[in-house]
Amino acid sequence: MLEASTPSGLPGPEPGPPGSEPTQPQLRSAAATFALLGSAPRLHLAWLMAHETSDVGTLARRVGLSIPTTSQHLAKLRLAGIVSARRAGRHTYYTVEDPHVLTMLDQIFGHIAPDGTLAPDP
């Protein structure tokens, strides 16, 4: 059985079954995803696109950003695989389709009350 290597290059344990301790690559990827969604405008954009497919102009208007700034946020979200896009004529429409991202967004906003406090456990 081959062992996975750690960032130091030393052998480490192989990834275990689901529910076991995350691997270093998983931790780095998860931290990068949370950092990307740690921006309130990008999180707002992701939430909007999880609920409806929109073009950049609509998204910019809804979030209160300029179209160039919104486009930059969308490019980062697309590069990370959080957002997908499809062209229709001269417009590009953006959406969140990944069920894991949709679940994550539902979970976080289900845990935070509209006033920003943590919602009580059900």
Protein backbone atom coordinates (compact mmCIF):
# COMPACT_ATOMS: atom_id res chain seq x y z
CA MET A 1 0.00 0.00 0.00
CA LEU A 2 1.40 3.41 -1.02
CA GLU A 3 1.40 6.20 1.50
CA ALA A 4 0.42 9.73 0.59
CA SER A 5 3.11 12.35 1.08
CA THR A 6 2.66 15.36 3.33
CA PRO A 7 3.60 18.95 2.43
CA SER A 8 7.03 18.28 3.96
CA GLY A 9 7.49 15.42 1.50
CA LEU A 10 7.45 12.83 4.28
CA PRO A 11 5.12 9.87 3.97
CA GLY A 12 1.77 10.35 5.64
CA PRO A 13 -1.35 8.30 6.12
CA GLU A 14 -3.52 7.45 3.16
CA PRO A 15 -6.89 9.16 2.94
CA GLY A 16 -9.45 7.21 4.92
CA PRO A 17 -13.11 6.50 4.32
CA PRO A 18 -15.66 9.31 4.20
CA GLY A 19 -16.00 10.95 7.60
CA SER A 20 -12.33 10.42 8.42
CA GLU A 21 -9.85 13.22 8.98
CA PRO A 22 -9.44 15.42 5.87
CA THR A 23 -6.26 15.26 3.84
CA GLN A 24 -3.96 18.26 3.44
CA PRO A 25 -5.09 18.84 -0.17
CA GLN A 26 -8.72 18.76 1.01
CA LEU A 27 -7.97 21.25 3.78
CA ARG A 28 -6.17 23.61 1.38
CA SER A 29 -9.01 23.43 -1.15
CA ALA A 30 -11.70 23.95 1.50
CA ALA A 31 -9.82 26.91 2.99
CA ALA A 32 -9.48 28.47 -0.48
CA THR A 33 -13.21 28.01 -1.10
CA PHE A 34 -14.13 29.58 2.24
CA ALA A 35 -11.67 32.44 1.60
CA LEU A 36 -13.28 33.06 -1.78
CA LEU A 37 -16.76 33.10 -0.24
CA GLY A 38 -15.44 35.18 2.68
CA SER A 39 -16.13 38.27 0.58
CA ALA A 40 -19.66 39.58 1.25
CA PRO A 41 -20.20 40.63 -2.40
CA ARG A 42 -19.06 37.22 -3.75
CA LEU A 43 -21.20 35.42 -1.17
CA HIS A 44 -24.18 37.58 -2.16
CA LEU A 45 -23.53 36.82 -5.85
CA ALA A 46 -23.31 33.08 -5.12
CA TRP A 47 -26.58 33.22 -3.17
CA LEU A 48 -28.32 35.08 -6.00
CA MET A 49 -27.06 32.63 -8.62
CA ALA A 50 -28.11 29.69 -6.46
CA HIS A 51 -31.66 30.99 -6.71
CA GLU A 52 -31.84 32.25 -10.29
CA THR A 53 -29.77 32.37 -13.46
CA SER A 54 -28.74 35.96 -14.21
CA ASP A 55 -26.55 38.05 -16.47
CA VAL A 56 -23.78 40.29 -15.17
CA GLY A 57 -25.86 43.48 -15.43
CA THR A 58 -28.66 42.04 -13.32
CA LEU A 59 -26.21 40.68 -10.76
CA ALA A 60 -24.32 44.00 -10.56
CA ARG A 61 -27.56 45.88 -9.99
CA ARG A 62 -28.76 43.44 -7.30
CA VAL A 63 -25.46 43.52 -5.39
CA GLY A 64 -24.86 47.24 -5.90
CA LEU A 65 -21.53 46.92 -7.72
CA SER A 66 -20.28 48.13 -11.06
CA ILE A 67 -20.38 45.71 -13.98
CA PRO A 68 -16.54 45.51 -14.20
CA THR A 69 -16.24 44.72 -10.47
CA THR A 70 -19.03 42.15 -10.69
CA SER A 71 -17.33 40.57 -13.72
CA GLN A 72 -14.10 40.23 -11.73
CA HIS A 73 -15.94 38.51 -8.88
CA LEU A 74 -17.71 36.20 -11.35
CA ALA A 75 -14.39 35.29 -12.99
CA LYS A 76 -12.97 34.23 -9.61
CA LEU A 77 -16.08 32.20 -8.78
CA ARG A 78 -15.99 30.52 -12.21
CA LEU A 79 -12.29 29.71 -11.91
CA ALA A 80 -12.98 28.04 -8.56
CA GLY A 81 -15.82 26.00 -10.09
CA ILE A 82 -18.47 27.54 -7.85
CA VAL A 83 -20.31 29.24 -10.72
CA SER A 84 -21.06 28.03 -14.22
CA ALA A 85 -21.87 30.17 -17.24
CA ARG A 86 -23.63 29.72 -20.57
CA ARG A 87 -23.75 32.04 -23.53
CA ALA A 88 -27.01 32.95 -25.20
CA GLY A 89 -26.48 35.38 -28.03
CA ARG A 90 -24.58 38.39 -26.75
CA HIS A 91 -25.27 37.62 -23.09
CA THR A 92 -23.65 35.26 -20.62
CA TYR A 93 -25.85 33.83 -17.89
CA TYR A 94 -24.41 32.69 -14.57
CA THR A 95 -25.72 30.11 -12.14
CA VAL A 96 -24.70 27.84 -9.27
CA GLU A 97 -25.58 24.24 -10.09
CA ASP A 98 -23.20 22.23 -7.88
CA PRO A 99 -25.41 20.52 -5.27
CA HIS A 100 -22.62 20.74 -2.67
CA VAL A 101 -22.35 24.52 -3.08
CA LEU A 102 -26.14 24.85 -3.00
CA THR A 103 -26.27 22.85 0.24
CA MET A 104 -23.46 24.90 1.77
CA LEU A 105 -25.26 28.17 0.96
CA ASP A 106 -28.56 26.85 2.33
CA GLN A 107 -26.82 25.66 5.50
CA ILE A 108 -25.01 28.91 6.26
CA PHE A 109 -28.03 31.14 5.67
CA GLY A 110 -30.24 28.70 7.58
CA HIS A 111 -27.84 29.14 10.51
CA ILE A 112 -27.79 32.95 10.46
CA ALA A 113 -30.88 34.97 11.35
CA PRO A 114 -31.86 38.02 9.22
CA ASP A 115 -30.43 40.33 11.93
CA GLY A 116 -27.03 38.63 11.58
CA THR A 117 -27.14 36.65 14.83
CA LEU A 118 -26.81 32.90 14.87
CA ALA A 119 -30.15 31.21 14.55
CA PRO A 120 -31.07 28.83 17.36
CA ASP A 121 -30.72 25.14 16.67
CA PRO A 122 -33.96 23.50 15.55
